C-alpha atoms as a PDB file:
ATOM      1  CA  UNK A   1      10.172 130.675 243.987  1.00  0.00           C
ATOM      2  CA  UNK A   2      11.314 128.301 246.683  1.00  0.00           C
ATOM      3  CA  UNK A   3       8.955 127.375 249.470  1.00  0.00           C
ATOM      4  CA  UNK A   4       9.928 127.722 253.121  1.00  0.00           C
ATOM      5  CA  UNK A   5      10.837 124.539 254.904  1.00  0.00           C
ATOM      6  CA  UNK A   6       7.874 123.360 257.009  1.00  0.00           C
ATOM      7  CA  UNK A   7      10.095 122.901 260.053  1.00  0.00           C
ATOM      8  CA  UNK A   8      10.796 126.649 260.082  1.00  0.00           C
ATOM      9  CA  UNK A   9       7.466 127.884 258.726  1.00  0.00           C
ATOM     10  CA  UNK A  10       5.176 126.113 261.216  1.00  0.00           C
ATOM     11  CA  UNK A  11       6.949 127.701 264.232  1.00  0.00           C
ATOM     12  CA  UNK A  12       6.669 131.096 262.478  1.00  0.00           C
ATOM     13  CA  UNK A  13       2.896 130.673 262.108  1.00  0.00           C
ATOM     14  CA  UNK A  14       2.704 129.725 265.795  1.00  0.00           C
ATOM     15  CA  UNK A  15       4.702 132.851 266.784  1.00  0.00           C
ATOM     16  CA  UNK A  16       2.325 135.023 264.768  1.00  0.00           C
ATOM     17  CA  UNK A  17      -0.744 133.371 266.321  1.00  0.00           C
ATOM     18  CA  UNK A  18       0.712 133.887 269.805  1.00  0.00           C
ATOM     19  CA  UNK A  19       1.431 137.542 268.988  1.00  0.00           C
ATOM     20  CA  UNK A  20      -2.179 137.945 267.790  1.00  0.00           C
ATOM     21  CA  UNK A  21      -3.518 136.570 271.090  1.00  0.00           C
ATOM     22  CA  UNK A  22      -1.225 138.843 273.120  1.00  0.00           C
ATOM     23  CA  UNK A  23      -2.056 141.903 270.985  1.00  0.00           C
ATOM     24  CA  UNK A  24      -5.781 141.340 271.424  1.00  0.00           C
ATOM     25  CA  UNK A  25      -5.310 141.710 275.183  1.00  0.00           C
ATOM     26  CA  UNK A  26      -3.407 145.003 274.916  1.00  0.00           C
ATOM     27  CA  UNK A  27      -4.688 148.566 274.641  1.00  0.00           C
ATOM     28  CA  UNK A  28      -6.568 149.066 271.423  1.00  0.00           C
ATOM     29  CA  UNK A  29      -6.550 151.841 268.855  1.00  0.00           C
ATOM     30  CA  UNK A  30      -8.781 152.287 265.838  1.00  0.00           C
ATOM     31  CA  UNK A  31      -5.993 151.425 263.416  1.00  0.00           C
ATOM     32  CA  UNK A  32      -2.402 150.809 264.415  1.00  0.00           C
ATOM     33  CA  UNK A  33       0.572 148.768 263.216  1.00  0.00           C
ATOM     34  CA  UNK A  34       2.709 146.675 265.529  1.00  0.00           C
ATOM     35  CA  UNK A  35       6.393 146.127 265.028  1.00  0.00           C
ATOM     36  CA  UNK A  36       7.455 142.878 263.394  1.00  0.00           C
ATOM     37  CA  UNK A  37       6.166 139.900 265.371  1.00  0.00           C
ATOM     38  CA  UNK A  38       8.075 137.504 263.105  1.00  0.00           C
ATOM     39  CA  UNK A  39      10.317 138.243 260.110  1.00  0.00           C
ATOM     40  CA  UNK A  40       8.146 139.949 257.490  1.00  0.00           C
ATOM     41  CA  UNK A  41       4.965 139.928 259.628  1.00  0.00           C
ATOM     42  CA  UNK A  42       3.359 142.851 261.449  1.00  0.00           C
ATOM     43  CA  UNK A  43      -0.054 143.146 263.054  1.00  0.00           C
ATOM     44  CA  UNK A  44      -2.788 145.609 262.138  1.00  0.00           C
ATOM     45  CA  UNK A  45      -4.704 146.357 265.332  1.00  0.00           C
ATOM     46  CA  UNK A  46      -8.276 147.549 265.626  1.00  0.00           C
ATOM     47  CA  UNK A  47     -11.495 146.885 267.509  1.00  0.00           C
ATOM     48  CA  UNK A  48     -15.208 146.712 266.888  1.00  0.00           C
ATOM     49  CA  UNK A  49     -17.628 147.465 269.692  1.00  0.00           C
ATOM     50  CA  UNK A  50     -14.982 146.722 272.309  1.00  0.00           C
ATOM     51  CA  UNK A  51     -14.007 143.435 270.597  1.00  0.00           C
ATOM     52  CA  UNK A  52     -10.252 143.559 269.829  1.00  0.00           C
ATOM     53  CA  UNK A  53      -9.061 142.549 266.384  1.00  0.00           C
ATOM     54  CA  UNK A  54      -5.509 141.820 265.272  1.00  0.00           C
ATOM     55  CA  UNK A  55      -4.987 141.123 261.574  1.00  0.00           C
ATOM     56  CA  UNK A  56      -1.628 139.706 260.523  1.00  0.00           C
ATOM     57  CA  UNK A  57       0.071 141.485 257.617  1.00  0.00           C
ATOM     58  CA  UNK A  58       2.450 139.166 255.768  1.00  0.00           C
ATOM     59  CA  UNK A  59       4.944 140.627 253.279  1.00  0.00           C
ATOM     60  CA  UNK A  60       7.326 137.777 252.387  1.00  0.00           C
ATOM     61  CA  UNK A  61       6.597 136.237 248.960  1.00  0.00           C
ATOM     62  CA  UNK A  62       7.707 132.835 250.280  1.00  0.00           C
ATOM     63  CA  UNK A  63       5.326 133.059 253.235  1.00  0.00           C
ATOM     64  CA  UNK A  64       2.464 134.139 250.977  1.00  0.00           C
ATOM     65  CA  UNK A  65       3.081 131.212 248.616  1.00  0.00           C
ATOM     66  CA  UNK A  66       3.247 128.820 251.580  1.00  0.00           C
ATOM     67  CA  UNK A  67       0.023 130.016 253.174  1.00  0.00           C
ATOM     68  CA  UNK A  68      -1.792 130.245 249.850  1.00  0.00           C
ATOM     69  CA  UNK A  69      -0.393 126.776 248.995  1.00  0.00           C
ATOM     70  CA  UNK A  70       0.365 128.013 245.534  1.00  0.00           C
ATOM     71  CA  UNK A  71       3.741 129.127 244.204  1.00  0.00           C
ATOM     72  CA  UNK A  72       1.933 130.605 241.189  1.00  0.00           C
ATOM     73  CA  UNK A  73       0.159 133.290 243.214  1.00  0.00           C
ATOM     74  CA  UNK A  74       0.680 136.358 241.017  1.00  0.00           C
ATOM     75  CA  UNK A  75       3.402 138.077 243.070  1.00  0.00           C
ATOM     76  CA  UNK A  76       1.266 139.871 245.630  1.00  0.00           C
ATOM     77  CA  UNK A  77       3.003 142.541 247.644  1.00  0.00           C
ATOM     78  CA  UNK A  78       1.373 141.338 250.866  1.00  0.00           C
ATOM     79  CA  UNK A  79      -1.708 139.842 252.394  1.00  0.00           C
ATOM     80  CA  UNK A  80      -3.784 140.675 255.429  1.00  0.00           C
ATOM     81  CA  UNK A  81      -5.140 137.699 257.344  1.00  0.00           C
ATOM     82  CA  UNK A  82      -7.604 137.065 260.143  1.00  0.00           C
ATOM     83  CA  UNK A  83      -7.972 133.771 261.965  1.00  0.00           C
ATOM     84  CA  UNK A  84     -11.297 132.014 262.361  1.00  0.00           C
ATOM     85  CA  UNK A  85     -11.334 132.329 266.166  1.00  0.00           C
ATOM     86  CA  UNK A  86     -11.366 136.127 265.968  1.00  0.00           C
ATOM     87  CA  UNK A  87     -14.021 136.148 263.260  1.00  0.00           C
ATOM     88  CA  UNK A  88     -16.232 133.801 265.302  1.00  0.00           C
ATOM     89  CA  UNK A  89     -15.747 135.820 268.520  1.00  0.00           C
ATOM     90  CA  UNK A  90     -16.625 139.105 266.798  1.00  0.00           C
ATOM     91  CA  UNK A  91     -19.659 137.478 265.167  1.00  0.00           C
ATOM     92  CA  UNK A  92     -20.771 136.024 268.515  1.00  0.00           C
ATOM     93  CA  UNK A  93     -20.514 139.543 269.970  1.00  0.00           C
ATOM     94  CA  UNK A  94     -22.965 140.711 267.281  1.00  0.00           C
ATOM     95  CA  UNK A  95     -20.559 142.187 264.707  1.00  0.00           C
ATOM     96  CA  UNK A  96     -20.592 141.101 261.085  1.00  0.00           C
ATOM     97  CA  UNK A  97     -17.293 139.740 259.803  1.00  0.00           C
ATOM     98  CA  UNK A  98     -17.636 139.218 256.059  1.00  0.00           C
ATOM     99  CA  UNK A  99     -15.050 136.695 254.899  1.00  0.00           C
ATOM    100  CA  UNK A 100     -16.905 135.924 251.648  1.00  0.00           C
ATOM    101  CA  UNK A 101     -14.418 137.821 249.488  1.00  0.00           C
ATOM    102  CA  UNK A 102     -11.367 136.469 251.307  1.00  0.00           C
ATOM    103  CA  UNK A 103      -9.200 133.587 250.252  1.00  0.00           C
ATOM    104  CA  UNK A 104      -9.009 130.679 252.666  1.00  0.00           C
ATOM    105  CA  UNK A 105      -5.611 129.113 253.145  1.00  0.00           C
ATOM    106  CA  UNK A 106      -5.368 125.462 252.184  1.00  0.00           C
ATOM    107  CA  UNK A 107      -2.329 124.909 254.385  1.00  0.00           C
ATOM    108  CA  UNK A 108      -3.906 126.812 257.327  1.00  0.00           C
ATOM    109  CA  UNK A 109      -7.677 126.381 256.835  1.00  0.00           C
ATOM    110  CA  UNK A 110      -8.624 128.612 259.773  1.00  0.00           C
ATOM    111  CA  UNK A 111      -6.876 131.603 258.154  1.00  0.00           C
ATOM    112  CA  UNK A 112      -8.712 133.908 255.725  1.00  0.00           C
ATOM    113  CA  UNK A 113      -6.852 136.605 253.827  1.00  0.00           C
ATOM    114  CA  UNK A 114      -7.038 139.419 251.319  1.00  0.00           C
ATOM    115  CA  UNK A 115      -4.164 139.757 248.847  1.00  0.00           C
ATOM    116  CA  UNK A 116      -2.628 143.100 247.909  1.00  0.00           C
ATOM    117  CA  UNK A 117      -0.825 143.759 244.636  1.00  0.00           C
ATOM    118  CA  UNK A 118       0.194 147.180 245.943  1.00  0.00           C
ATOM    119  CA  UNK A 119       0.605 147.991 249.624  1.00  0.00           C
ATOM    120  CA  UNK A 120      -0.140 151.337 251.169  1.00  0.00           C
ATOM    121  CA  UNK A 121      -1.361 152.273 254.620  1.00  0.00           C
ATOM    122  CA  UNK A 122      -4.614 153.519 253.078  1.00  0.00           C
ATOM    123  CA  UNK A 123      -5.189 150.269 251.211  1.00  0.00           C
ATOM    124  CA  UNK A 124      -4.410 148.172 254.288  1.00  0.00           C
ATOM    125  CA  UNK A 125      -6.762 150.369 256.333  1.00  0.00           C
ATOM    126  CA  UNK A 126      -9.596 149.814 253.842  1.00  0.00           C
ATOM    127  CA  UNK A 127      -9.659 146.009 254.145  1.00  0.00           C
ATOM    128  CA  UNK A 128     -10.593 145.754 257.859  1.00  0.00           C
ATOM    129  CA  UNK A 129     -13.461 148.197 257.197  1.00  0.00           C
ATOM    130  CA  UNK A 130     -14.536 146.054 254.267  1.00  0.00           C
ATOM    131  CA  UNK A 131     -14.374 142.838 256.333  1.00  0.00           C
ATOM    132  CA  UNK A 132     -15.932 144.318 259.477  1.00  0.00           C
ATOM    133  CA  UNK A 133     -18.411 147.000 258.358  1.00  0.00           C
ATOM    134  CA  UNK A 134     -19.129 148.126 261.955  1.00  0.00           C
ATOM    135  CA  UNK A 135     -15.543 149.311 262.557  1.00  0.00           C
ATOM    136  CA  UNK A 136     -15.705 152.907 263.739  1.00  0.00           C
ATOM    137  CA  UNK A 137     -14.651 155.638 261.357  1.00  0.00           C
ATOM    138  CA  UNK A 138     -11.721 157.792 262.460  1.00  0.00           C
ATOM    139  CA  UNK A 139     -14.060 160.487 263.794  1.00  0.00           C
ATOM    140  CA  UNK A 140     -16.044 157.968 265.857  1.00  0.00           C
ATOM    141  CA  UNK A 141     -12.876 156.321 267.177  1.00  0.00           C
ATOM    142  CA  UNK A 142     -11.352 159.569 268.415  1.00  0.00           C
END
């Protein structure tokens, strides 16, 4: 698998980070998908105790290999990432963000992610609850 050229990949990461910042300032739902914020990247939006969260959902195998810094990553279908700033802000607001089971990107050390070998809305919905145990259930969010 070929790796993306850094000159095109770095601006893509910046676009995604900018979209995350903008999305965190918008209206929040318990669990919602954005449109594509960059080719092959959507946001998964949520909140915990009024603290907005925007996870980036990456689906391009080339992007995944680039961020994981490993072309031998066993063909994941996607990965869901959260940046360190959001995790620290949620933790400072008193909400546990458990990144212990996440992979940390070597090429982007402030990015932690969970890999998916099969992607479904249910599976993607499970990971934020796993990372942030205090996320409201659907009944509480309604």
